């Protein structure tokens, strides 16, 4: 993994990509939240009319590539939302995991 390969670096790359295209005007909280939902639906669509097991998915390069693309779309929009709201994605995930530990104790 390259030294600059971090979540912080990835967020900076996504923000730069957005700025270069003058898309910041479209990246409102509402629009980003809608985009996350839309891309999550596209992720669901990859398996909409099938129910493959784990091995079927990982052994199908074309399907796995589609799933990876849609997962990346969801993640990019989540990172953009964190960026415009000044949320630290690692911190908020850690906090949510702690809440879930309390809500669902072992």
PDB file of N, CA and C in Angstrom:
ATOM      1  N   UNK A   1       0.851  -1.179   0.000  1.00  0.00           N
ATOM      2  CA  UNK A   1       0.000   0.000   0.000  1.00  0.00           C
ATOM      3  C   UNK A   1       0.898   1.244   0.000  1.00  0.00           C
ATOM      4  N   UNK A   2       0.690   2.174  -0.927  1.00  0.00           N
ATOM      5  CA  UNK A   2       1.526   3.380  -0.960  1.00  0.00           C
ATOM      6  C   UNK A   2       1.434   4.179   0.338  1.00  0.00           C
ATOM      7  N   UNK A   3       2.510   4.891   0.650  1.00  0.00           N
ATOM      8  CA  UNK A   3       2.572   5.654   1.895  1.00  0.00           C
ATOM      9  C   UNK A   3       1.466   6.701   1.986  1.00  0.00           C
ATOM     10  N   UNK A   4       1.088   7.300   0.843  1.00  0.00           N
ATOM     11  CA  UNK A   4       0.061   8.348   0.848  1.00  0.00           C
ATOM     12  C   UNK A   4      -1.347   7.777   0.732  1.00  0.00           C
ATOM     13  N   UNK A   5      -1.457   6.454   0.833  1.00  0.00           N
ATOM     14  CA  UNK A   5      -2.747   5.793   0.689  1.00  0.00           C
ATOM     15  C   UNK A   5      -3.448   5.761   2.043  1.00  0.00           C
ATOM     16  N   UNK A   6      -4.188   6.825   2.344  1.00  0.00           N
ATOM     17  CA  UNK A   6      -4.899   6.931   3.611  1.00  0.00           C
ATOM     18  C   UNK A   6      -6.282   7.496   3.334  1.00  0.00           C
ATOM     19  N   UNK A   7      -7.149   7.375   4.303  1.00  0.00           N
ATOM     20  CA  UNK A   7      -8.489   7.926   4.142  1.00  0.00           C
ATOM     21  C   UNK A   7      -8.424   9.440   3.970  1.00  0.00           C
ATOM     22  N   UNK A   8      -7.555  10.079   4.733  1.00  0.00           N
ATOM     23  CA  UNK A   8      -7.395  11.529   4.620  1.00  0.00           C
ATOM     24  C   UNK A   8      -6.953  11.917   3.206  1.00  0.00           C
ATOM     25  N   UNK A   9      -6.004  11.175   2.652  1.00  0.00           N
ATOM     26  CA  UNK A   9      -5.538  11.443   1.292  1.00  0.00           C
ATOM     27  C   UNK A   9      -6.657  11.192   0.282  1.00  0.00           C
ATOM     28  N   UNK A  10      -7.392  10.113   0.462  1.00  0.00           N
ATOM     29  CA  UNK A  10      -8.493   9.804  -0.451  1.00  0.00           C
ATOM     30  C   UNK A  10      -9.540  10.908  -0.422  1.00  0.00           C
ATOM     31  N   UNK A  11      -9.859  11.412   0.762  1.00  0.00           N
ATOM     32  CA  UNK A  11     -10.820  12.518   0.861  1.00  0.00           C
ATOM     33  C   UNK A  11     -10.300  13.747   0.127  1.00  0.00           C
ATOM     34  N   UNK A  12      -9.010  14.023   0.247  1.00  0.00           N
ATOM     35  CA  UNK A  12      -8.420  15.176  -0.445  1.00  0.00           C
ATOM     36  C   UNK A  12      -8.502  14.995  -1.958  1.00  0.00           C
ATOM     37  N   UNK A  13      -8.261  13.790  -2.439  1.00  0.00           N
ATOM     38  CA  UNK A  13      -8.349  13.506  -3.875  1.00  0.00           C
ATOM     39  C   UNK A  13      -9.787  13.684  -4.362  1.00  0.00           C
ATOM     40  N   UNK A  14     -10.749  13.180  -3.602  1.00  0.00           N
ATOM     41  CA  UNK A  14     -12.165  13.326  -3.967  1.00  0.00           C
ATOM     42  C   UNK A  14     -12.554  14.802  -3.975  1.00  0.00           C
ATOM     43  N   UNK A  15     -12.125  15.548  -2.980  1.00  0.00           N
ATOM     44  CA  UNK A  15     -12.430  16.984  -2.928  1.00  0.00           C
ATOM     45  C   UNK A  15     -11.803  17.720  -4.113  1.00  0.00           C
ATOM     46  N   UNK A  16     -10.573  17.368  -4.452  1.00  0.00           N
ATOM     47  CA  UNK A  16      -9.897  17.998  -5.591  1.00  0.00           C
ATOM     48  C   UNK A  16     -10.628  17.669  -6.892  1.00  0.00           C
ATOM     49  N   UNK A  17     -11.010  16.416  -7.069  1.00  0.00           N
ATOM     50  CA  UNK A  17     -11.761  15.981  -8.247  1.00  0.00           C
ATOM     51  C   UNK A  17     -13.035  16.818  -8.390  1.00  0.00           C
ATOM     52  N   UNK A  18     -13.711  17.043  -7.272  1.00  0.00           N
ATOM     53  CA  UNK A  18     -14.945  17.832  -7.259  1.00  0.00           C
ATOM     54  C   UNK A  18     -14.673  19.287  -7.636  1.00  0.00           C
ATOM     55  N   UNK A  19     -13.659  19.878  -7.026  1.00  0.00           N
ATOM     56  CA  UNK A  19     -13.304  21.280  -7.322  1.00  0.00           C
ATOM     57  C   UNK A  19     -12.917  21.468  -8.780  1.00  0.00           C
ATOM     58  N   UNK A  20     -12.118  20.542  -9.312  1.00  0.00           N
ATOM     59  CA  UNK A  20     -11.648  20.655 -10.699  1.00  0.00           C
ATOM     60  C   UNK A  20     -12.803  20.711 -11.699  1.00  0.00           C
ATOM     61  N   UNK A  21     -13.901  20.107 -11.361  1.00  0.00           N
ATOM     62  CA  UNK A  21     -15.059  20.050 -12.251  1.00  0.00           C
ATOM     63  C   UNK A  21     -16.134  21.071 -11.882  1.00  0.00           C
ATOM     64  N   UNK A  22     -15.850  21.883 -10.882  1.00  0.00           N
ATOM     65  CA  UNK A  22     -16.793  22.893 -10.395  1.00  0.00           C
ATOM     66  C   UNK A  22     -18.115  22.259  -9.971  1.00  0.00           C
ATOM     67  N   UNK A  23     -18.012  21.123  -9.309  1.00  0.00           N
ATOM     68  CA  UNK A  23     -19.202  20.405  -8.855  1.00  0.00           C
ATOM     69  C   UNK A  23     -19.587  20.758  -7.428  1.00  0.00           C
ATOM     70  N   UNK A  24     -18.784  21.553  -6.745  1.00  0.00           N
ATOM     71  CA  UNK A  24     -19.104  21.890  -5.356  1.00  0.00           C
ATOM     72  C   UNK A  24     -20.488  22.513  -5.240  1.00  0.00           C
ATOM     73  N   UNK A  25     -20.882  23.272  -6.260  1.00  0.00           N
ATOM     74  CA  UNK A  25     -22.195  23.918  -6.249  1.00  0.00           C
ATOM     75  C   UNK A  25     -23.333  22.899  -6.165  1.00  0.00           C
ATOM     76  N   UNK A  26     -23.099  21.697  -6.645  1.00  0.00           N
ATOM     77  CA  UNK A  26     -24.132  20.656  -6.638  1.00  0.00           C
ATOM     78  C   UNK A  26     -24.061  19.768  -5.396  1.00  0.00           C
ATOM     79  N   UNK A  27     -22.950  19.823  -4.687  1.00  0.00           N
ATOM     80  CA  UNK A  27     -22.744  18.932  -3.546  1.00  0.00           C
ATOM     81  C   UNK A  27     -23.286  19.541  -2.258  1.00  0.00           C
ATOM     82  N   UNK A  28     -24.598  19.709  -2.242  1.00  0.00           N
ATOM     83  CA  UNK A  28     -25.274  20.152  -1.027  1.00  0.00           C
ATOM     84  C   UNK A  28     -25.509  18.931  -0.138  1.00  0.00           C
ATOM     85  N   UNK A  29     -25.828  19.176   1.115  1.00  0.00           N
ATOM     86  CA  UNK A  29     -26.100  18.068   2.032  1.00  0.00           C
ATOM     87  C   UNK A  29     -27.214  17.191   1.468  1.00  0.00           C
ATOM     88  N   UNK A  30     -28.311  17.807   1.044  1.00  0.00           N
ATOM     89  CA  UNK A  30     -29.445  17.043   0.513  1.00  0.00           C
ATOM     90  C   UNK A  30     -29.053  16.242  -0.721  1.00  0.00           C
ATOM     91  N   UNK A  31     -28.338  16.873  -1.647  1.00  0.00           N
ATOM     92  CA  UNK A  31     -27.964  16.185  -2.882  1.00  0.00           C
ATOM     93  C   UNK A  31     -27.004  15.025  -2.622  1.00  0.00           C
ATOM     94  N   UNK A  32     -26.071  15.216  -1.720  1.00  0.00           N
ATOM     95  CA  UNK A  32     -25.142  14.130  -1.404  1.00  0.00           C
ATOM     96  C   UNK A  32     -25.854  12.979  -0.708  1.00  0.00           C
ATOM     97  N   UNK A  33     -26.777  13.300   0.199  1.00  0.00           N
ATOM     98  CA  UNK A  33     -27.541  12.238   0.861  1.00  0.00           C
ATOM     99  C   UNK A  33     -28.383  11.470  -0.151  1.00  0.00           C
ATOM    100  N   UNK A  34     -29.002  12.173  -1.076  1.00  0.00           N
ATOM    101  CA  UNK A  34     -29.780  11.508  -2.125  1.00  0.00           C
ATOM    102  C   UNK A  34     -28.868  10.646  -2.990  1.00  0.00           C
ATOM    103  N   UNK A  35     -27.695  11.164  -3.322  1.00  0.00           N
ATOM    104  CA  UNK A  35     -26.759  10.415  -4.164  1.00  0.00           C
ATOM    105  C   UNK A  35     -26.279   9.141  -3.479  1.00  0.00           C
ATOM    106  N   UNK A  36     -26.067   9.196  -2.174  1.00  0.00           N
ATOM    107  CA  UNK A  36     -25.691   7.991  -1.428  1.00  0.00           C
ATOM    108  C   UNK A  36     -26.786   6.940  -1.569  1.00  0.00           C
ATOM    109  N   UNK A  37     -28.024   7.361  -1.395  1.00  0.00           N
ATOM    110  CA  UNK A  37     -29.156   6.441  -1.500  1.00  0.00           C
ATOM    111  C   UNK A  37     -29.283   5.869  -2.911  1.00  0.00           C
ATOM    112  N   UNK A  38     -29.133   6.721  -3.902  1.00  0.00           N
ATOM    113  CA  UNK A  38     -29.238   6.286  -5.299  1.00  0.00           C
ATOM    114  C   UNK A  38     -28.146   5.271  -5.624  1.00  0.00           C
ATOM    115  N   UNK A  39     -26.918   5.581  -5.231  1.00  0.00           N
ATOM    116  CA  UNK A  39     -25.813   4.657  -5.516  1.00  0.00           C
ATOM    117  C   UNK A  39     -25.960   3.357  -4.729  1.00  0.00           C
ATOM    118  N   UNK A  40     -26.490   3.421  -3.514  1.00  0.00           N
ATOM    119  CA  UNK A  40     -26.742   2.196  -2.747  1.00  0.00           C
ATOM    120  C   UNK A  40     -27.786   1.339  -3.457  1.00  0.00           C
ATOM    121  N   UNK A  41     -28.769   1.983  -4.064  1.00  0.00           N
ATOM    122  CA  UNK A  41     -29.769   1.251  -4.846  1.00  0.00           C
ATOM    123  C   UNK A  41     -29.125   0.594  -6.059  1.00  0.00           C
ATOM    124  N   UNK A  42     -28.187   1.295  -6.692  1.00  0.00           N
ATOM    125  CA  UNK A  42     -27.477   0.706  -7.832  1.00  0.00           C
ATOM    126  C   UNK A  42     -26.621  -0.475  -7.380  1.00  0.00           C
ATOM    127  N   UNK A  43     -26.077  -0.404  -6.181  1.00  0.00           N
ATOM    128  CA  UNK A  43     -25.343  -1.537  -5.619  1.00  0.00           C
ATOM    129  C   UNK A  43     -26.287  -2.724  -5.439  1.00  0.00           C
ATOM    130  N   UNK A  44     -27.462  -2.478  -4.886  1.00  0.00           N
ATOM    131  CA  UNK A  44     -28.462  -3.543  -4.734  1.00  0.00           C
ATOM    132  C   UNK A  44     -28.866  -4.134  -6.077  1.00  0.00           C
ATOM    133  N   UNK A  45     -28.916  -3.296  -7.081  1.00  0.00           N
ATOM    134  CA  UNK A  45     -29.337  -3.730  -8.410  1.00  0.00           C
ATOM    135  C   UNK A  45     -28.397  -4.790  -9.000  1.00  0.00           C
ATOM    136  N   UNK A  46     -27.134  -4.807  -8.574  1.00  0.00           N
ATOM    137  CA  UNK A  46     -26.191  -5.783  -9.126  1.00  0.00           C
ATOM    138  C   UNK A  46     -26.623  -7.224  -8.849  1.00  0.00           C
ATOM    139  N   UNK A  47     -27.384  -7.428  -7.792  1.00  0.00           N
ATOM    140  CA  UNK A  47     -27.861  -8.778  -7.444  1.00  0.00           C
ATOM    141  C   UNK A  47     -29.383  -8.844  -7.355  1.00  0.00           C
ATOM    142  N   UNK A  48     -30.054  -7.894  -7.977  1.00  0.00           N
ATOM    143  CA  UNK A  48     -31.496  -7.744  -7.795  1.00  0.00           C
ATOM    144  C   UNK A  48     -32.289  -9.026  -8.041  1.00  0.00           C
ATOM    145  N   UNK A  49     -32.024  -9.734  -9.090  1.00  0.00           N
ATOM    146  CA  UNK A  49     -32.843 -10.897  -9.431  1.00  0.00           C
ATOM    147  C   UNK A  49     -32.076 -12.206  -9.263  1.00  0.00           C
ATOM    148  N   UNK A  50     -31.075 -12.195  -8.409  1.00  0.00           N
ATOM    149  CA  UNK A  50     -30.313 -13.415  -8.152  1.00  0.00           C
ATOM    150  C   UNK A  50     -29.940 -13.466  -6.676  1.00  0.00           C
ATOM    151  N   UNK A  51     -29.486 -14.609  -6.256  1.00  0.00           N
ATOM    152  CA  UNK A  51     -29.069 -14.766  -4.866  1.00  0.00           C
ATOM    153  C   UNK A  51     -27.820 -15.651  -4.815  1.00  0.00           C
ATOM    154  N   UNK A  52     -26.717 -15.176  -5.424  1.00  0.00           N
ATOM    155  CA  UNK A  52     -25.513 -16.010  -5.453  1.00  0.00           C
ATOM    156  C   UNK A  52     -24.890 -16.132  -4.066  1.00  0.00           C
ATOM    157  N   UNK A  53     -24.222 -17.261  -3.849  1.00  0.00           N
ATOM    158  CA  UNK A  53     -23.501 -17.397  -2.583  1.00  0.00           C
ATOM    159  C   UNK A  53     -22.173 -16.642  -2.680  1.00  0.00           C
ATOM    160  N   UNK A  54     -21.488 -16.572  -1.580  1.00  0.00           N
ATOM    161  CA  UNK A  54     -20.236 -15.811  -1.498  1.00  0.00           C
ATOM    162  C   UNK A  54     -19.243 -16.248  -2.577  1.00  0.00           C
ATOM    163  N   UNK A  55     -19.039 -17.544  -2.709  1.00  0.00           N
ATOM    164  CA  UNK A  55     -18.062 -18.057  -3.688  1.00  0.00           C
ATOM    165  C   UNK A  55     -18.455 -17.681  -5.113  1.00  0.00           C
ATOM    166  N   UNK A  56     -19.751 -17.717  -5.428  1.00  0.00           N
ATOM    167  CA  UNK A  56     -20.206 -17.322  -6.766  1.00  0.00           C
ATOM    168  C   UNK A  56     -19.858 -15.866  -7.058  1.00  0.00           C
ATOM    169  N   UNK A  57     -19.978 -15.019  -6.056  1.00  0.00           N
ATOM    170  CA  UNK A  57     -19.684 -13.591  -6.250  1.00  0.00           C
ATOM    171  C   UNK A  57     -18.189 -13.378  -6.436  1.00  0.00           C
ATOM    172  N   UNK A  58     -17.374 -13.916  -5.537  1.00  0.00           N
ATOM    173  CA  UNK A  58     -15.934 -13.652  -5.606  1.00  0.00           C
ATOM    174  C   UNK A  58     -15.265 -14.322  -6.800  1.00  0.00           C
ATOM    175  N   UNK A  59     -15.881 -15.340  -7.357  1.00  0.00           N
ATOM    176  CA  UNK A  59     -15.288 -16.009  -8.521  1.00  0.00           C
ATOM    177  C   UNK A  59     -15.781 -15.435  -9.847  1.00  0.00           C
ATOM    178  N   UNK A  60     -16.697 -14.476  -9.804  1.00  0.00           N
ATOM    179  CA  UNK A  60     -17.230 -13.854 -11.015  1.00  0.00           C
ATOM    180  C   UNK A  60     -16.624 -12.455 -11.151  1.00  0.00           C
ATOM    181  N   UNK A  61     -15.568 -12.348 -11.954  1.00  0.00           N
ATOM    182  CA  UNK A  61     -14.816 -11.087 -12.059  1.00  0.00           C
ATOM    183  C   UNK A  61     -15.691  -9.932 -12.529  1.00  0.00           C
ATOM    184  N   UNK A  62     -16.576 -10.180 -13.474  1.00  0.00           N
ATOM    185  CA  UNK A  62     -17.438  -9.107 -13.997  1.00  0.00           C
ATOM    186  C   UNK A  62     -18.402  -8.609 -12.921  1.00  0.00           C
ATOM    187  N   UNK A  63     -19.027  -9.526 -12.212  1.00  0.00           N
ATOM    188  CA  UNK A  63     -19.954  -9.151 -11.139  1.00  0.00           C
ATOM    189  C   UNK A  63     -19.212  -8.439 -10.013  1.00  0.00           C
ATOM    190  N   UNK A  64     -18.071  -8.970  -9.633  1.00  0.00           N
ATOM    191  CA  UNK A  64     -17.286  -8.359  -8.563  1.00  0.00           C
ATOM    192  C   UNK A  64     -16.863  -6.934  -8.939  1.00  0.00           C
ATOM    193  N   UNK A  65     -16.527  -6.723 -10.214  1.00  0.00           N
ATOM    194  CA  UNK A  65     -16.151  -5.379 -10.679  1.00  0.00           C
ATOM    195  C   UNK A  65     -17.333  -4.419 -10.584  1.00  0.00           C
ATOM    196  N   UNK A  66     -18.531  -4.885 -10.944  1.00  0.00           N
ATOM    197  CA  UNK A  66     -19.728  -4.039 -10.831  1.00  0.00           C
ATOM    198  C   UNK A  66     -19.999  -3.682  -9.369  1.00  0.00           C
ATOM    199  N   UNK A  67     -19.894  -4.676  -8.497  1.00  0.00           N
ATOM    200  CA  UNK A  67     -20.103  -4.443  -7.064  1.00  0.00           C
ATOM    201  C   UNK A  67     -19.061  -3.457  -6.538  1.00  0.00           C
ATOM    202  N   UNK A  68     -17.817  -3.622  -6.951  1.00  0.00           N
ATOM    203  CA  UNK A  68     -16.748  -2.713  -6.517  1.00  0.00           C
ATOM    204  C   UNK A  68     -17.027  -1.290  -6.983  1.00  0.00           C
ATOM    205  N   UNK A  69     -17.447  -1.125  -8.243  1.00  0.00           N
ATOM    206  CA  UNK A  69     -17.746   0.213  -8.771  1.00  0.00           C
ATOM    207  C   UNK A  69     -18.855   0.890  -7.982  1.00  0.00           C
ATOM    208  N   UNK A  70     -19.929   0.174  -7.725  1.00  0.00           N
ATOM    209  CA  UNK A  70     -21.060   0.773  -7.014  1.00  0.00           C
ATOM    210  C   UNK A  70     -20.713   1.028  -5.544  1.00  0.00           C
ATOM    211  N   UNK A  71     -19.936   0.133  -4.941  1.00  0.00           N
ATOM    212  CA  UNK A  71     -19.487   0.355  -3.568  1.00  0.00           C
ATOM    213  C   UNK A  71     -18.624   1.608  -3.497  1.00  0.00           C
ATOM    214  N   UNK A  72     -17.743   1.772  -4.474  1.00  0.00           N
ATOM    215  CA  UNK A  72     -16.896   2.970  -4.521  1.00  0.00           C
ATOM    216  C   UNK A  72     -17.743   4.228  -4.657  1.00  0.00           C
ATOM    217  N   UNK A  73     -18.779   4.185  -5.491  1.00  0.00           N
ATOM    218  CA  UNK A  73     -19.655   5.353  -5.643  1.00  0.00           C
ATOM    219  C   UNK A  73     -20.291   5.739  -4.311  1.00  0.00           C
ATOM    220  N   UNK A  74     -20.799   4.747  -3.584  1.00  0.00           N
ATOM    221  CA  UNK A  74     -21.403   5.012  -2.269  1.00  0.00           C
ATOM    222  C   UNK A  74     -20.363   5.634  -1.338  1.00  0.00           C
ATOM    223  N   UNK A  75     -19.185   5.059  -1.315  1.00  0.00           N
ATOM    224  CA  UNK A  75     -18.146   5.538  -0.404  1.00  0.00           C
ATOM    225  C   UNK A  75     -17.678   6.947  -0.760  1.00  0.00           C
ATOM    226  N   UNK A  76     -17.543   7.235  -2.050  1.00  0.00           N
ATOM    227  CA  UNK A  76     -17.120   8.579  -2.471  1.00  0.00           C
ATOM    228  C   UNK A  76     -18.131   9.619  -2.010  1.00  0.00           C
ATOM    229  N   UNK A  77     -19.416   9.342  -2.209  1.00  0.00           N
ATOM    230  CA  UNK A  77     -20.428  10.301  -1.758  1.00  0.00           C
ATOM    231  C   UNK A  77     -20.445  10.423  -0.232  1.00  0.00           C
ATOM    232  N   UNK A  78     -20.223   9.327   0.478  1.00  0.00           N
ATOM    233  CA  UNK A  78     -20.139   9.406   1.946  1.00  0.00           C
ATOM    234  C   UNK A  78     -18.953  10.265   2.372  1.00  0.00           C
ATOM    235  N   UNK A  79     -17.830  10.106   1.699  1.00  0.00           N
ATOM    236  CA  UNK A  79     -16.662  10.922   2.032  1.00  0.00           C
ATOM    237  C   UNK A  79     -16.896  12.387   1.706  1.00  0.00           C
ATOM    238  N   UNK A  80     -17.579  12.680   0.603  1.00  0.00           N
ATOM    239  CA  UNK A  80     -17.900  14.074   0.271  1.00  0.00           C
ATOM    240  C   UNK A  80     -18.812  14.679   1.331  1.00  0.00           C
ATOM    241  N   UNK A  81     -19.802  13.908   1.779  1.00  0.00           N
ATOM    242  CA  UNK A  81     -20.703  14.392   2.820  1.00  0.00           C
ATOM    243  C   UNK A  81     -19.910  14.697   4.093  1.00  0.00           C
ATOM    244  N   UNK A  82     -19.029  13.788   4.475  1.00  0.00           N
ATOM    245  CA  UNK A  82     -18.184  14.038   5.647  1.00  0.00           C
ATOM    246  C   UNK A  82     -17.351  15.294   5.438  1.00  0.00           C
ATOM    247  N   UNK A  83     -16.832  15.467   4.256  1.00  0.00           N
ATOM    248  CA  UNK A  83     -15.981  16.621   3.970  1.00  0.00           C
ATOM    249  C   UNK A  83     -16.734  17.935   4.122  1.00  0.00           C
ATOM    250  N   UNK A  84     -17.914  18.027   3.528  1.00  0.00           N
ATOM    251  CA  UNK A  84     -18.629  19.313   3.588  1.00  0.00           C
ATOM    252  C   UNK A  84     -19.210  19.588   4.968  1.00  0.00           C
ATOM    253  N   UNK A  85     -19.407  18.526   5.768  1.00  0.00           N
ATOM    254  CA  UNK A  85     -19.931  18.702   7.129  1.00  0.00           C
ATOM    255  C   UNK A  85     -18.823  18.703   8.184  1.00  0.00           C
ATOM    256  N   UNK A  86     -17.577  18.623   7.727  1.00  0.00           N
ATOM    257  CA  UNK A  86     -16.426  18.574   8.642  1.00  0.00           C
ATOM    258  C   UNK A  86     -16.541  17.436   9.655  1.00  0.00           C
ATOM    259  N   UNK A  87     -16.954  16.282   9.168  1.00  0.00           N
ATOM    260  CA  UNK A  87     -17.031  15.084  10.000  1.00  0.00           C
ATOM    261  C   UNK A  87     -15.817  14.209   9.714  1.00  0.00           C
ATOM    262  N   UNK A  88     -15.223  13.687  10.756  1.00  0.00           N
ATOM    263  CA  UNK A  88     -14.110  12.753  10.607  1.00  0.00           C
ATOM    264  C   UNK A  88     -14.714  11.353  10.464  1.00  0.00           C
ATOM    265  N   UNK A  89     -14.602  10.732   9.277  1.00  0.00           N
ATOM    266  CA  UNK A  89     -15.263   9.441   9.068  1.00  0.00           C
ATOM    267  C   UNK A  89     -14.782   8.347  10.014  1.00  0.00           C
ATOM    268  N   UNK A  90     -13.507   8.331  10.331  1.00  0.00           N
ATOM    269  CA  UNK A  90     -12.993   7.317  11.262  1.00  0.00           C
ATOM    270  C   UNK A  90     -13.596   7.525  12.648  1.00  0.00           C
ATOM    271  N   UNK A  91     -13.606   8.758  13.114  1.00  0.00           N
ATOM    272  CA  UNK A  91     -14.154   9.066  14.442  1.00  0.00           C
ATOM    273  C   UNK A  91     -15.634   8.708  14.516  1.00  0.00           C
ATOM    274  N   UNK A  92     -16.418   9.104  13.503  1.00  0.00           N
ATOM    275  CA  UNK A  92     -17.861   8.842  13.587  1.00  0.00           C
ATOM    276  C   UNK A  92     -18.169   7.349  13.483  1.00  0.00           C
ATOM    277  N   UNK A  93     -17.348   6.591  12.720  1.00  0.00           N
ATOM    278  CA  UNK A  93     -17.549   5.141  12.668  1.00  0.00           C
ATOM    279  C   UNK A  93     -17.180   4.504  14.004  1.00  0.00           C
ATOM    280  N   UNK A  94     -16.068   4.956  14.596  1.00  0.00           N
ATOM    281  CA  UNK A  94     -15.681   4.441  15.920  1.00  0.00           C
ATOM    282  C   UNK A  94     -16.772   4.716  16.951  1.00  0.00           C
ATOM    283  N   UNK A  95     -17.308   5.933  16.927  1.00  0.00           N
ATOM    284  CA  UNK A  95     -18.376   6.294  17.870  1.00  0.00           C
ATOM    285  C   UNK A  95     -19.617   5.438  17.646  1.00  0.00           C
ATOM    286  N   UNK A  96     -19.945   5.181  16.396  1.00  0.00           N
ATOM    287  CA  UNK A  96     -21.126   4.366  16.093  1.00  0.00           C
ATOM    288  C   UNK A  96     -20.921   2.921  16.541  1.00  0.00           C
ATOM    289  N   UNK A  97     -19.725   2.396  16.341  1.00  0.00           N
ATOM    290  CA  UNK A  97     -19.435   1.036  16.797  1.00  0.00           C
ATOM    291  C   UNK A  97     -19.584   0.947  18.314  1.00  0.00           C
ATOM    292  N   UNK A  98     -19.113   1.959  19.034  1.00  0.00           N
ATOM    293  CA  UNK A  98     -19.262   1.983  20.495  1.00  0.00           C
ATOM    294  C   UNK A  98     -20.741   2.004  20.891  1.00  0.00           C
ATOM    295  N   UNK A  99     -21.533   2.829  20.211  1.00  0.00           N
ATOM    296  CA  UNK A  99     -22.979   2.868  20.479  1.00  0.00           C
ATOM    297  C   UNK A  99     -23.594   1.496  20.236  1.00  0.00           C
ATOM    298  N   UNK A 100     -23.182   0.845  19.147  1.00  0.00           N
ATOM    299  CA  UNK A 100     -23.722  -0.476  18.831  1.00  0.00           C
ATOM    300  C   UNK A 100     -23.274  -1.530  19.833  1.00  0.00           C
ATOM    301  N   UNK A 101     -22.056  -1.398  20.372  1.00  0.00           N
ATOM    302  CA  UNK A 101     -21.594  -2.330  21.415  1.00  0.00           C
ATOM    303  C   UNK A 101     -22.504  -2.258  22.640  1.00  0.00           C
ATOM    304  N   UNK A 102     -22.905  -1.049  22.990  1.00  0.00           N
ATOM    305  CA  UNK A 102     -23.795  -0.872  24.140  1.00  0.00           C
ATOM    306  C   UNK A 102     -25.214  -1.344  23.821  1.00  0.00           C
ATOM    307  N   UNK A 103     -25.640  -1.081  22.605  1.00  0.00           N
ATOM    308  CA  UNK A 103     -26.999  -1.446  22.197  1.00  0.00           C
ATOM    309  C   UNK A 103     -27.142  -2.954  22.005  1.00  0.00           C
ATOM    310  N   UNK A 104     -26.068  -3.600  21.527  1.00  0.00           N
ATOM    311  CA  UNK A 104     -26.086  -5.040  21.246  1.00  0.00           C
ATOM    312  C   UNK A 104     -24.942  -5.730  21.985  1.00  0.00           C
ATOM    313  N   UNK A 105     -25.022  -5.827  23.303  1.00  0.00           N
ATOM    314  CA  UNK A 105     -23.923  -6.446  24.061  1.00  0.00           C
ATOM    315  C   UNK A 105     -23.820  -7.944  23.772  1.00  0.00           C
ATOM    316  N   UNK A 106     -22.618  -8.446  23.955  1.00  0.00           N
ATOM    317  CA  UNK A 106     -22.377  -9.883  23.744  1.00  0.00           C
ATOM    318  C   UNK A 106     -22.742 -10.629  25.006  1.00  0.00           C
TER     319      UNK A 106
END
